[in-house]
Amino acid sequence: MDRLIAYSSGVCSGSCGNVEEGIVAWLFATFGVLFLLMIILVMLVLAFWVWMLVDASKRDEESYKKIGSGEKVLWIVILILSLLFQMTLVGSLIYFFLIYQKGKALELAKNKK
């Protein structure tokens, strides 16, 4: 923390006016933590997207027909396009609720019989 305060005083010398060094250090620390949280969130969203893409590629065509939600290739294309248009969370959530959960429910019902 002392090094951060020393750095902030060097950055702020003469250009910040009457801003205290502690405030600048607090801002650096806050933005650093927020940046780290954003990186973690992006990694979690990407991992969720990969999980849904793997599920879409492993699921057989018959499963899609039983669910009644299109074809396997269509969903893989939707997931890839969601990555290209930076909408991975939206595409993954749509797949999760429309295909993944319904598919798991069908599998559970099938296993109970």
PDB file of N, CA and C in Angstrom:
ATOM      1  N   MET A   1       0.827  -1.188   0.000  1.00  0.00           N
ATOM      2  CA  MET A   1       0.000   0.000   0.000  1.00  0.00           C
ATOM      3  C   MET A   1       0.871   1.252   0.000  1.00  0.00           C
ATOM      4  N   ASP A   2       2.007   1.190   0.721  1.00  0.00           N
ATOM      5  CA  ASP A   2       2.902   2.347   0.751  1.00  0.00           C
ATOM      6  C   ASP A   2       3.454   2.649  -0.632  1.00  0.00           C
ATOM      7  N   ARG A   3       3.737   1.573  -1.386  1.00  0.00           N
ATOM      8  CA  ARG A   3       4.252   1.800  -2.739  1.00  0.00           C
ATOM      9  C   ARG A   3       3.176   2.427  -3.623  1.00  0.00           C
ATOM     10  N   LEU A   4       1.935   2.031  -3.416  1.00  0.00           N
ATOM     11  CA  LEU A   4       0.827   2.601  -4.182  1.00  0.00           C
ATOM     12  C   LEU A   4       0.643   4.076  -3.862  1.00  0.00           C
ATOM     13  N   ILE A   5       0.746   4.415  -2.583  1.00  0.00           N
ATOM     14  CA  ILE A   5       0.625   5.824  -2.184  1.00  0.00           C
ATOM     15  C   ILE A   5       1.786   6.630  -2.736  1.00  0.00           C
ATOM     16  N   ALA A   6       2.985   6.057  -2.699  1.00  0.00           N
ATOM     17  CA  ALA A   6       4.152   6.757  -3.251  1.00  0.00           C
ATOM     18  C   ALA A   6       3.983   6.955  -4.749  1.00  0.00           C
ATOM     19  N   TYR A   7       3.469   5.934  -5.441  1.00  0.00           N
ATOM     20  CA  TYR A   7       3.239   6.062  -6.870  1.00  0.00           C
ATOM     21  C   TYR A   7       2.178   7.111  -7.162  1.00  0.00           C
ATOM     22  N   SER A   8       1.104   7.098  -6.367  1.00  0.00           N
ATOM     23  CA  SER A   8       0.032   8.060  -6.606  1.00  0.00           C
ATOM     24  C   SER A   8       0.501   9.482  -6.354  1.00  0.00           C
ATOM     25  N   SER A   9       1.387   9.669  -5.395  1.00  0.00           N
ATOM     26  CA  SER A   9       1.884  11.026  -5.155  1.00  0.00           C
ATOM     27  C   SER A   9       2.771  11.478  -6.305  1.00  0.00           C
ATOM     28  N   GLY A  10       3.502  10.537  -6.915  1.00  0.00           N
ATOM     29  CA  GLY A  10       4.322  10.884  -8.073  1.00  0.00           C
ATOM     30  C   GLY A  10       3.483  11.205  -9.284  1.00  0.00           C
ATOM     31  N   VAL A  11       2.417  10.465  -9.479  1.00  0.00           N
ATOM     32  CA  VAL A  11       1.526  10.702 -10.612  1.00  0.00           C
ATOM     33  C   VAL A  11       0.773  12.005 -10.433  1.00  0.00           C
ATOM     34  N   CYS A  12       0.408  12.268  -9.198  1.00  0.00           N
ATOM     35  CA  CYS A  12      -0.475  13.380  -8.907  1.00  0.00           C
ATOM     36  C   CYS A  12       0.273  14.682  -8.608  1.00  0.00           C
ATOM     37  N   SER A  13       1.567  14.666  -8.611  1.00  0.00           N
ATOM     38  CA  SER A  13       2.297  15.877  -8.221  1.00  0.00           C
ATOM     39  C   SER A  13       2.074  16.994  -9.233  1.00  0.00           C
ATOM     40  N   GLY A  14       1.428  18.006  -8.802  1.00  0.00           N
ATOM     41  CA  GLY A  14       1.234  19.198  -9.620  1.00  0.00           C
ATOM     42  C   GLY A  14       0.048  19.147 -10.549  1.00  0.00           C
ATOM     43  N   SER A  15      -0.430  17.985 -10.924  1.00  0.00           N
ATOM     44  CA  SER A  15      -1.505  17.925 -11.913  1.00  0.00           C
ATOM     45  C   SER A  15      -2.872  17.677 -11.283  1.00  0.00           C
ATOM     46  N   CYS A  16      -2.934  17.265 -10.047  1.00  0.00           N
ATOM     47  CA  CYS A  16      -4.215  16.943  -9.418  1.00  0.00           C
ATOM     48  C   CYS A  16      -4.736  18.062  -8.525  1.00  0.00           C
ATOM     49  N   GLY A  17      -4.014  19.080  -8.349  1.00  0.00           N
ATOM     50  CA  GLY A  17      -4.458  20.157  -7.480  1.00  0.00           C
ATOM     51  C   GLY A  17      -4.307  19.779  -6.024  1.00  0.00           C
ATOM     52  N   ASN A  18      -5.385  19.893  -5.267  1.00  0.00           N
ATOM     53  CA  ASN A  18      -5.339  19.635  -3.838  1.00  0.00           C
ATOM     54  C   ASN A  18      -5.924  18.273  -3.464  1.00  0.00           C
ATOM     55  N   VAL A  19      -5.724  17.270  -4.270  1.00  0.00           N
ATOM     56  CA  VAL A  19      -6.246  15.941  -3.990  1.00  0.00           C
ATOM     57  C   VAL A  19      -5.278  15.230  -3.057  1.00  0.00           C
ATOM     58  N   GLU A  20      -5.827  14.607  -2.028  1.00  0.00           N
ATOM     59  CA  GLU A  20      -4.990  13.894  -1.085  1.00  0.00           C
ATOM     60  C   GLU A  20      -4.487  12.589  -1.687  1.00  0.00           C
ATOM     61  N   GLU A  21      -3.321  12.152  -1.208  1.00  0.00           N
ATOM     62  CA  GLU A  21      -2.718  10.932  -1.736  1.00  0.00           C
ATOM     63  C   GLU A  21      -3.559   9.709  -1.408  1.00  0.00           C
ATOM     64  N   GLY A  22      -4.202   9.688  -0.266  1.00  0.00           N
ATOM     65  CA  GLY A  22      -5.010   8.543   0.131  1.00  0.00           C
ATOM     66  C   GLY A  22      -6.189   8.319  -0.785  1.00  0.00           C
ATOM     67  N   ILE A  23      -6.770   9.401  -1.275  1.00  0.00           N
ATOM     68  CA  ILE A  23      -7.915   9.284  -2.189  1.00  0.00           C
ATOM     69  C   ILE A  23      -7.474   8.674  -3.506  1.00  0.00           C
ATOM     70  N   VAL A  24      -6.331   9.110  -3.996  1.00  0.00           N
ATOM     71  CA  VAL A  24      -5.824   8.568  -5.261  1.00  0.00           C
ATOM     72  C   VAL A  24      -5.484   7.094  -5.093  1.00  0.00           C
ATOM     73  N   ALA A  25      -4.870   6.730  -3.965  1.00  0.00           N
ATOM     74  CA  ALA A  25      -4.546   5.325  -3.707  1.00  0.00           C
ATOM     75  C   ALA A  25      -5.822   4.498  -3.610  1.00  0.00           C
ATOM     76  N   TRP A  26      -6.852   5.042  -2.965  1.00  0.00           N
ATOM     77  CA  TRP A  26      -8.121   4.335  -2.854  1.00  0.00           C
ATOM     78  C   TRP A  26      -8.743   4.123  -4.232  1.00  0.00           C
ATOM     79  N   LEU A  27      -8.652   5.131  -5.097  1.00  0.00           N
ATOM     80  CA  LEU A  27      -9.188   4.994  -6.451  1.00  0.00           C
ATOM     81  C   LEU A  27      -8.438   3.925  -7.242  1.00  0.00           C
ATOM     82  N   PHE A  28      -7.107   3.924  -7.148  1.00  0.00           N
ATOM     83  CA  PHE A  28      -6.324   2.897  -7.831  1.00  0.00           C
ATOM     84  C   PHE A  28      -6.722   1.510  -7.343  1.00  0.00           C
ATOM     85  N   ALA A  29      -6.850   1.330  -6.042  1.00  0.00           N
ATOM     86  CA  ALA A  29      -7.196   0.025  -5.477  1.00  0.00           C
ATOM     87  C   ALA A  29      -8.607  -0.388  -5.883  1.00  0.00           C
ATOM     88  N   THR A  30      -9.538   0.540  -5.858  1.00  0.00           N
ATOM     89  CA  THR A  30     -10.925   0.235  -6.215  1.00  0.00           C
ATOM     90  C   THR A  30     -11.029  -0.185  -7.671  1.00  0.00           C
ATOM     91  N   PHE A  31     -10.401   0.575  -8.560  1.00  0.00           N
ATOM     92  CA  PHE A  31     -10.461   0.217  -9.973  1.00  0.00           C
ATOM     93  C   PHE A  31      -9.728  -1.083 -10.251  1.00  0.00           C
ATOM     94  N   GLY A  32      -8.676  -1.364  -9.509  1.00  0.00           N
ATOM     95  CA  GLY A  32      -7.976  -2.634  -9.656  1.00  0.00           C
ATOM     96  C   GLY A  32      -8.849  -3.806  -9.267  1.00  0.00           C
ATOM     97  N   VAL A  33      -9.564  -3.671  -8.170  1.00  0.00           N
ATOM     98  CA  VAL A  33     -10.470  -4.744  -7.728  1.00  0.00           C
ATOM     99  C   VAL A  33     -11.621  -4.911  -8.712  1.00  0.00           C
ATOM    100  N   LEU A  34     -12.186  -3.818  -9.188  1.00  0.00           N
ATOM    101  CA  LEU A  34     -13.275  -3.903 -10.164  1.00  0.00           C
ATOM    102  C   LEU A  34     -12.804  -4.560 -11.463  1.00  0.00           C
ATOM    103  N   PHE A  35     -11.599  -4.232 -11.887  1.00  0.00           N
ATOM    104  CA  PHE A  35     -11.036  -4.835 -13.098  1.00  0.00           C
ATOM    105  C   PHE A  35     -10.854  -6.339 -12.909  1.00  0.00           C
ATOM    106  N   LEU A  36     -10.367  -6.743 -11.753  1.00  0.00           N
ATOM    107  CA  LEU A  36     -10.188  -8.154 -11.453  1.00  0.00           C
ATOM    108  C   LEU A  36     -11.533  -8.889 -11.422  1.00  0.00           C
ATOM    109  N   LEU A  37     -12.545  -8.278 -10.834  1.00  0.00           N
ATOM    110  CA  LEU A  37     -13.883  -8.882 -10.815  1.00  0.00           C
ATOM    111  C   LEU A  37     -14.461  -9.018 -12.218  1.00  0.00           C
ATOM    112  N   MET A  38     -14.213  -8.030 -13.070  1.00  0.00           N
ATOM    113  CA  MET A  38     -14.693  -8.110 -14.448  1.00  0.00           C
ATOM    114  C   MET A  38     -14.017  -9.257 -15.191  1.00  0.00           C
ATOM    115  N   ILE A  39     -12.722  -9.433 -14.988  1.00  0.00           N
ATOM    116  CA  ILE A  39     -12.011 -10.527 -15.640  1.00  0.00           C
ATOM    117  C   ILE A  39     -12.572 -11.867 -15.186  1.00  0.00           C
ATOM    118  N   ILE A  40     -12.818 -12.012 -13.886  1.00  0.00           N
ATOM    119  CA  ILE A  40     -13.380 -13.258 -13.361  1.00  0.00           C
ATOM    120  C   ILE A  40     -14.768 -13.507 -13.945  1.00  0.00           C
ATOM    121  N   LEU A  41     -15.589 -12.474 -14.028  1.00  0.00           N
ATOM    122  CA  LEU A  41     -16.932 -12.610 -14.592  1.00  0.00           C
ATOM    123  C   LEU A  41     -16.882 -13.021 -16.061  1.00  0.00           C
ATOM    124  N   VAL A  42     -15.995 -12.420 -16.826  1.00  0.00           N
ATOM    125  CA  VAL A  42     -15.859 -12.767 -18.244  1.00  0.00           C
ATOM    126  C   VAL A  42     -15.412 -14.219 -18.395  1.00  0.00           C
ATOM    127  N   MET A  43     -14.501 -14.665 -17.543  1.00  0.00           N
ATOM    128  CA  MET A  43     -14.045 -16.052 -17.607  1.00  0.00           C
ATOM    129  C   MET A  43     -15.168 -17.030 -17.263  1.00  0.00           C
ATOM    130  N   LEU A  44     -16.012 -16.681 -16.289  1.00  0.00           N
ATOM    131  CA  LEU A  44     -17.141 -17.537 -15.939  1.00  0.00           C
ATOM    132  C   LEU A  44     -18.160 -17.620 -17.073  1.00  0.00           C
ATOM    133  N   VAL A  45     -18.434 -16.489 -17.712  1.00  0.00           N
ATOM    134  CA  VAL A  45     -19.378 -16.474 -18.835  1.00  0.00           C
ATOM    135  C   VAL A  45     -18.826 -17.302 -19.991  1.00  0.00           C
ATOM    136  N   LEU A  46     -17.527 -17.170 -20.262  1.00  0.00           N
ATOM    137  CA  LEU A  46     -16.923 -17.949 -21.343  1.00  0.00           C
ATOM    138  C   LEU A  46     -16.940 -19.440 -21.026  1.00  0.00           C
ATOM    139  N   ALA A  47     -16.695 -19.811 -19.775  1.00  0.00           N
ATOM    140  CA  ALA A  47     -16.743 -21.218 -19.378  1.00  0.00           C
ATOM    141  C   ALA A  47     -18.165 -21.766 -19.535  1.00  0.00           C
ATOM    142  N   PHE A  48     -19.167 -20.971 -19.170  1.00  0.00           N
ATOM    143  CA  PHE A  48     -20.564 -21.379 -19.339  1.00  0.00           C
ATOM    144  C   PHE A  48     -20.886 -21.568 -20.811  1.00  0.00           C
ATOM    145  N   TRP A  49     -20.392 -20.674 -21.660  1.00  0.00           N
ATOM    146  CA  TRP A  49     -20.623 -20.774 -23.095  1.00  0.00           C
ATOM    147  C   TRP A  49     -19.988 -22.050 -23.658  1.00  0.00           C
ATOM    148  N   VAL A  50     -18.766 -22.352 -23.234  1.00  0.00           N
ATOM    149  CA  VAL A  50     -18.084 -23.565 -23.698  1.00  0.00           C
ATOM    150  C   VAL A  50     -18.860 -24.801 -23.249  1.00  0.00           C
ATOM    151  N   TRP A  51     -19.364 -24.793 -22.012  1.00  0.00           N
ATOM    152  CA  TRP A  51     -20.154 -25.912 -21.498  1.00  0.00           C
ATOM    153  C   TRP A  51     -21.391 -26.134 -22.364  1.00  0.00           C
ATOM    154  N   MET A  52     -22.080 -25.062 -22.743  1.00  0.00           N
ATOM    155  CA  MET A  52     -23.274 -25.194 -23.563  1.00  0.00           C
ATOM    156  C   MET A  52     -22.906 -25.637 -24.982  1.00  0.00           C
ATOM    157  N   LEU A  53     -21.794 -25.162 -25.513  1.00  0.00           N
ATOM    158  CA  LEU A  53     -21.358 -25.571 -26.850  1.00  0.00           C
ATOM    159  C   LEU A  53     -20.991 -27.055 -26.866  1.00  0.00           C
ATOM    160  N   VAL A  54     -20.310 -27.515 -25.830  1.00  0.00           N
ATOM    161  CA  VAL A  54     -19.974 -28.940 -25.740  1.00  0.00           C
ATOM    162  C   VAL A  54     -21.242 -29.773 -25.632  1.00  0.00           C
ATOM    163  N   ASP A  55     -22.201 -29.328 -24.835  1.00  0.00           N
ATOM    164  CA  ASP A  55     -23.467 -30.050 -24.719  1.00  0.00           C
ATOM    165  C   ASP A  55     -24.192 -30.089 -26.059  1.00  0.00           C
ATOM    166  N   ALA A  56     -24.175 -28.972 -26.768  1.00  0.00           N
ATOM    167  CA  ALA A  56     -24.862 -28.923 -28.072  1.00  0.00           C
ATOM    168  C   ALA A  56     -24.209 -29.868 -29.070  1.00  0.00           C
ATOM    169  N   SER A  57     -22.901 -30.000 -29.012  1.00  0.00           N
ATOM    170  CA  SER A  57     -22.230 -30.875 -29.969  1.00  0.00           C
ATOM    171  C   SER A  57     -22.355 -32.350 -29.576  1.00  0.00           C
ATOM    172  N   LYS A  58     -22.473 -32.664 -28.295  1.00  0.00           N
ATOM    173  CA  LYS A  58     -22.597 -34.058 -27.850  1.00  0.00           C
ATOM    174  C   LYS A  58     -24.024 -34.584 -27.949  1.00  0.00           C
ATOM    175  N   ARG A  59     -24.985 -33.715 -27.844  1.00  0.00           N
ATOM    176  CA  ARG A  59     -26.392 -34.135 -27.860  1.00  0.00           C
ATOM    177  C   ARG A  59     -26.743 -34.653 -29.250  1.00  0.00           C
ATOM    178  N   ASP A  60     -27.448 -35.779 -29.306  1.00  0.00           N
ATOM    179  CA  ASP A  60     -27.797 -36.360 -30.599  1.00  0.00           C
ATOM    180  C   ASP A  60     -29.006 -35.653 -31.213  1.00  0.00           C
ATOM    181  N   GLU A  61     -29.144 -35.861 -32.509  1.00  0.00           N
ATOM    182  CA  GLU A  61     -30.201 -35.180 -33.273  1.00  0.00           C
ATOM    183  C   GLU A  61     -31.597 -35.572 -32.779  1.00  0.00           C
ATOM    184  N   GLU A  62     -31.733 -36.798 -32.344  1.00  0.00           N
ATOM    185  CA  GLU A  62     -33.026 -37.284 -31.854  1.00  0.00           C
ATOM    186  C   GLU A  62     -33.488 -36.522 -30.615  1.00  0.00           C
ATOM    187  N   SER A  63     -32.548 -36.155 -29.783  1.00  0.00           N
ATOM    188  CA  SER A  63     -32.872 -35.400 -28.572  1.00  0.00           C
ATOM    189  C   SER A  63     -33.462 -34.036 -28.922  1.00  0.00           C
ATOM    190  N   TYR A  64     -32.908 -33.394 -29.935  1.00  0.00           N
ATOM    191  CA  TYR A  64     -33.454 -32.096 -30.363  1.00  0.00           C
ATOM    192  C   TYR A  64     -34.871 -32.254 -30.900  1.00  0.00           C
ATOM    193  N   LYS A  65     -35.119 -33.347 -31.605  1.00  0.00           N
ATOM    194  CA  LYS A  65     -36.456 -33.573 -32.163  1.00  0.00           C
ATOM    195  C   LYS A  65     -37.470 -33.845 -31.056  1.00  0.00           C
ATOM    196  N   LYS A  66     -37.051 -34.570 -30.001  1.00  0.00           N
ATOM    197  CA  LYS A  66     -37.957 -34.833 -28.884  1.00  0.00           C
ATOM    198  C   LYS A  66     -38.310 -33.546 -28.141  1.00  0.00           C
ATOM    199  N   ILE A  67     -37.328 -32.661 -28.021  1.00  0.00           N
ATOM    200  CA  ILE A  67     -37.567 -31.382 -27.346  1.00  0.00           C
ATOM    201  C   ILE A  67     -38.416 -30.475 -28.233  1.00  0.00           C
ATOM    202  N   GLY A  68     -38.264 -30.623 -29.548  1.00  0.00           N
ATOM    203  CA  GLY A  68     -39.023 -29.808 -30.485  1.00  0.00           C
ATOM    204  C   GLY A  68     -38.458 -28.420 -30.659  1.00  0.00           C
ATOM    205  N   SER A  69     -37.134 -28.314 -30.620  1.00  0.00           N
ATOM    206  CA  SER A  69     -36.506 -26.998 -30.721  1.00  0.00           C
ATOM    207  C   SER A  69     -35.439 -26.950 -31.808  1.00  0.00           C
ATOM    208  N   GLY A  70     -35.789 -27.293 -33.003  1.00  0.00           N
ATOM    209  CA  GLY A  70     -34.861 -27.144 -34.106  1.00  0.00           C
ATOM    210  C   GLY A  70     -33.907 -28.309 -34.268  1.00  0.00           C
ATOM    211  N   GLU A  71     -32.776 -28.017 -34.897  1.00  0.00           N
ATOM    212  CA  GLU A  71     -31.795 -29.034 -35.209  1.00  0.00           C
ATOM    213  C   GLU A  71     -30.485 -28.760 -34.490  1.00  0.00           C
ATOM    214  N   LYS A  72     -29.656 -29.773 -34.449  1.00  0.00           N
ATOM    215  CA  LYS A  72     -28.362 -29.687 -33.776  1.00  0.00           C
ATOM    216  C   LYS A  72     -27.486 -28.606 -34.407  1.00  0.00           C
ATOM    217  N   VAL A  73     -27.391 -28.619 -35.718  1.00  0.00           N
ATOM    218  CA  VAL A  73     -26.533 -27.659 -36.416  1.00  0.00           C
ATOM    219  C   VAL A  73     -27.001 -26.229 -36.167  1.00  0.00           C
ATOM    220  N   LEU A  74     -28.304 -26.021 -36.123  1.00  0.00           N
ATOM    221  CA  LEU A  74     -28.855 -24.691 -35.872  1.00  0.00           C
ATOM    222  C   LEU A  74     -28.387 -24.148 -34.522  1.00  0.00           C
ATOM    223  N   TRP A  75     -28.439 -24.978 -33.491  1.00  0.00           N
ATOM    224  CA  TRP A  75     -28.049 -24.516 -32.163  1.00  0.00           C
ATOM    225  C   TRP A  75     -26.551 -24.292 -32.051  1.00  0.00           C
ATOM    226  N   ILE A  76     -25.768 -25.108 -32.725  1.00  0.00           N
ATOM    227  CA  ILE A  76     -24.317 -24.876 -32.724  1.00  0.00           C
ATOM    228  C   ILE A  76     -24.009 -23.563 -33.425  1.00  0.00           C
ATOM    229  N   VAL A  77     -24.681 -23.299 -34.533  1.00  0.00           N
ATOM    230  CA  VAL A  77     -24.481 -22.026 -35.251  1.00  0.00           C
ATOM    231  C   VAL A  77     -24.923 -20.850 -34.389  1.00  0.00           C
ATOM    232  N   ILE A  78     -26.042 -20.990 -33.682  1.00  0.00           N
ATOM    233  CA  ILE A  78     -26.508 -19.907 -32.799  1.00  0.00           C
ATOM    234  C   ILE A  78     -25.472 -19.618 -31.719  1.00  0.00           C
ATOM    235  N   LEU A  79     -24.917 -20.658 -31.126  1.00  0.00           N
ATOM    236  CA  LEU A  79     -23.914 -20.449 -30.076  1.00  0.00           C
ATOM    237  C   LEU A  79     -22.641 -19.817 -30.631  1.00  0.00           C
ATOM    238  N   ILE A  80     -22.211 -20.246 -31.805  1.00  0.00           N
ATOM    239  CA  ILE A  80     -20.998 -19.656 -32.395  1.00  0.00           C
ATOM    240  C   ILE A  80     -21.259 -18.206 -32.787  1.00  0.00           C
ATOM    241  N   LEU A  81     -22.427 -17.923 -33.350  1.00  0.00           N
ATOM    242  CA  LEU A  81     -22.749 -16.539 -33.694  1.00  0.00           C
ATOM    243  C   LEU A  81     -22.854 -15.656 -32.447  1.00  0.00           C
ATOM    244  N   SER A  82     -23.321 -16.225 -31.355  1.00  0.00           N
ATOM    245  CA  SER A  82     -23.383 -15.442 -30.120  1.00  0.00           C
ATOM    246  C   SER A  82     -21.981 -15.055 -29.659  1.00  0.00           C
ATOM    247  N   LEU A  83     -20.994 -15.911 -29.913  1.00  0.00           N
ATOM    248  CA  LEU A  83     -19.613 -15.556 -29.594  1.00  0.00           C
ATOM    249  C   LEU A  83     -19.114 -14.456 -30.528  1.00  0.00           C
ATOM    250  N   LEU A  84     -19.406 -14.588 -31.811  1.00  0.00           N
ATOM    251  CA  LEU A  84     -18.928 -13.601 -32.788  1.00  0.00           C
ATOM    252  C   LEU A  84     -19.532 -12.222 -32.557  1.00  0.00           C
ATOM    253  N   PHE A  85     -20.783 -12.188 -32.105  1.00  0.00           N
ATOM    254  CA  PHE A  85     -21.445 -10.912 -31.849  1.00  0.00           C
ATOM    255  C   PHE A  85     -21.352 -10.488 -30.388  1.00  0.00           C
ATOM    256  N   GLN A  86     -20.466 -11.137 -29.628  1.00  0.00           N
ATOM    257  CA  GLN A  86     -20.204 -10.817 -28.227  1.00  0.00           C
ATOM    258  C   GLN A  86     -21.468 -10.855 -27.382  1.00  0.00           C
ATOM    259  N   MET A  87     -22.256 -11.880 -27.620  1.00  0.00           N
ATOM    260  CA  MET A  87     -23.487 -12.097 -26.865  1.00  0.00           C
ATOM    261  C   MET A  87     -23.473 -13.508 -26.276  1.00  0.00           C
ATOM    262  N   THR A  88     -22.312 -13.928 -25.780  1.00  0.00           N
ATOM    263  CA  THR A  88     -22.164 -15.309 -25.321  1.00  0.00           C
ATOM    264  C   THR A  88     -23.115 -15.630 -24.179  1.00  0.00           C
ATOM    265  N   LEU A  89     -23.299 -14.708 -23.266  1.00  0.00           N
ATOM    266  CA  LEU A  89     -24.190 -14.973 -22.139  1.00  0.00           C
ATOM    267  C   LEU A  89     -25.626 -15.147 -22.612  1.00  0.00           C
ATOM    268  N   VAL A  90     -26.051 -14.318 -23.537  1.00  0.00           N
ATOM    269  CA  VAL A  90     -27.429 -14.403 -24.046  1.00  0.00           C
ATOM    270  C   VAL A  90     -27.647 -15.713 -24.791  1.00  0.00           C
ATOM    271  N   GLY A  91     -26.733 -16.046 -25.695  1.00  0.00           N
ATOM    272  CA  GLY A  91     -26.863 -17.287 -26.451  1.00  0.00           C
ATOM    273  C   GLY A  91     -26.813 -18.515 -25.566  1.00  0.00           C
ATOM    274  N   SER A  92     -25.916 -18.496 -24.583  1.00  0.00           N
ATOM    275  CA  SER A  92     -25.790 -19.635 -23.669  1.00  0.00           C
ATOM    276  C   SER A  92     -27.027 -19.794 -22.798  1.00  0.00           C
ATOM    277  N   LEU A  93     -27.560 -18.680 -22.308  1.00  0.00           N
ATOM    278  CA  LEU A  93     -28.760 -18.759 -21.479  1.00  0.00           C
ATOM    279  C   LEU A  93     -29.968 -19.246 -22.274  1.00  0.00           C
ATOM    280  N   ILE A  94     -30.095 -18.797 -23.509  1.00  0.00           N
ATOM    281  CA  ILE A  94     -31.195 -19.265 -24.357  1.00  0.00           C
ATOM    282  C   ILE A  94     -31.084 -20.761 -24.562  1.00  0.00           C
ATOM    283  N   TYR A  95     -29.872 -21.234 -24.888  1.00  0.00           N
ATOM    284  CA  TYR A  95     -29.686 -22.671 -25.077  1.00  0.00           C
ATOM    285  C   TYR A  95     -29.953 -23.417 -23.773  1.00  0.00           C
ATOM    286  N   PHE A  96     -29.473 -22.881 -22.653  1.00  0.00           N
ATOM    287  CA  PHE A  96     -29.632 -23.539 -21.362  1.00  0.00           C
ATOM    288  C   PHE A  96     -31.100 -23.757 -21.023  1.00  0.00           C
ATOM    289  N   PHE A  97     -31.914 -22.724 -21.209  1.00  0.00           N
ATOM    290  CA  PHE A  97     -33.321 -22.837 -20.824  1.00  0.00           C
ATOM    291  C   PHE A  97     -34.175 -23.566 -21.864  1.00  0.00           C
ATOM    292  N   LEU A  98     -33.849 -23.429 -23.144  1.00  0.00           N
ATOM    293  CA  LEU A  98     -34.682 -24.057 -24.169  1.00  0.00           C
ATOM    294  C   LEU A  98     -34.299 -25.496 -24.468  1.00  0.00           C
ATOM    295  N   ILE A  99     -33.016 -25.841 -24.349  1.00  0.00           N
ATOM    296  CA  ILE A  99     -32.567 -27.171 -24.738  1.00  0.00           C
ATOM    297  C   ILE A  99     -32.038 -27.961 -23.546  1.00  0.00           C
ATOM    298  N   TYR A 100     -31.084 -27.411 -22.835  1.00  0.00           N
ATOM    299  CA  TYR A 100     -30.376 -28.166 -21.804  1.00  0.00           C
ATOM    300  C   TYR A 100     -31.312 -28.649 -20.701  1.00  0.00           C
ATOM    301  N   GLN A 101     -32.094 -27.741 -20.154  1.00  0.00           N
ATOM    302  CA  GLN A 101     -32.984 -28.138 -19.058  1.00  0.00           C
ATOM    303  C   GLN A 101     -34.089 -29.087 -19.523  1.00  0.00           C
ATOM    304  N   LYS A 102     -34.663 -28.828 -20.687  1.00  0.00           N
ATOM    305  CA  LYS A 102     -35.691 -29.726 -21.209  1.00  0.00           C
ATOM    306  C   LYS A 102     -35.104 -31.102 -21.519  1.00  0.00           C
ATOM    307  N   GLY A 103     -33.868 -31.115 -22.037  1.00  0.00           N
ATOM    308  CA  GLY A 103     -33.207 -32.384 -22.322  1.00  0.00           C
ATOM    309  C   GLY A 103     -32.927 -33.173 -21.061  1.00  0.00           C
ATOM    310  N   LYS A 104     -32.484 -32.496 -20.011  1.00  0.00           N
ATOM    311  CA  LYS A 104     -32.243 -33.173 -18.731  1.00  0.00           C
ATOM    312  C   LYS A 104     -33.553 -33.693 -18.136  1.00  0.00           C
ATOM    313  N   ALA A 105     -34.627 -32.937 -18.268  1.00  0.00           N
ATOM    314  CA  ALA A 105     -35.928 -33.382 -17.764  1.00  0.00           C
ATOM    315  C   ALA A 105     -36.405 -34.625 -18.523  1.00  0.00           C
ATOM    316  N   LEU A 106     -36.197 -34.657 -19.834  1.00  0.00           N
ATOM    317  CA  LEU A 106     -36.559 -35.839 -20.622  1.00  0.00           C
ATOM    318  C   LEU A 106     -35.728 -37.050 -20.227  1.00  0.00           C
ATOM    319  N   GLU A 107     -34.439 -36.833 -19.975  1.00  0.00           N
ATOM    320  CA  GLU A 107     -33.570 -37.925 -19.554  1.00  0.00           C
ATOM    321  C   GLU A 107     -33.987 -38.469 -18.190  1.00  0.00           C
ATOM    322  N   LEU A 108     -34.337 -37.596 -17.281  1.00  0.00           N
ATOM    323  CA  LEU A 108     -34.789 -38.042 -15.956  1.00  0.00           C
ATOM    324  C   LEU A 108     -36.097 -38.826 -16.055  1.00  0.00           C
ATOM    325  N   ALA A 109     -37.013 -38.337 -16.861  1.00  0.00           N
ATOM    326  CA  ALA A 109     -38.282 -39.039 -17.047  1.00  0.00           C
ATOM    327  C   ALA A 109     -38.054 -40.395 -17.704  1.00  0.00           C
ATOM    328  N   LYS A 110     -37.137 -40.467 -18.626  1.00  0.00           N
ATOM    329  CA  LYS A 110     -36.798 -41.708 -19.306  1.00  0.00           C
ATOM    330  C   LYS A 110     -36.159 -42.709 -18.343  1.00  0.00           C
ATOM    331  N   ASN A 111     -35.301 -42.212 -17.452  1.00  0.00           N
ATOM    332  CA  ASN A 111     -34.627 -43.081 -16.485  1.00  0.00           C
ATOM    333  C   ASN A 111     -35.564 -43.584 -15.392  1.00  0.00           C
ATOM    334  N   LYS A 112     -36.628 -42.835 -15.078  1.00  0.00           N
ATOM    335  CA  LYS A 112     -37.583 -43.249 -14.047  1.00  0.00           C
ATOM    336  C   LYS A 112     -38.467 -44.396 -14.527  1.00  0.00           C
ATOM    337  N   LYS A 113     -38.643 -44.506 -15.823  1.00  0.00           N
ATOM    338  CA  LYS A 113     -39.521 -45.549 -16.373  1.00  0.00           C
ATOM    339  C   LYS A 113     -38.885 -46.876 -16.289  1.00  0.00           C
TER     340      LYS A 113
END
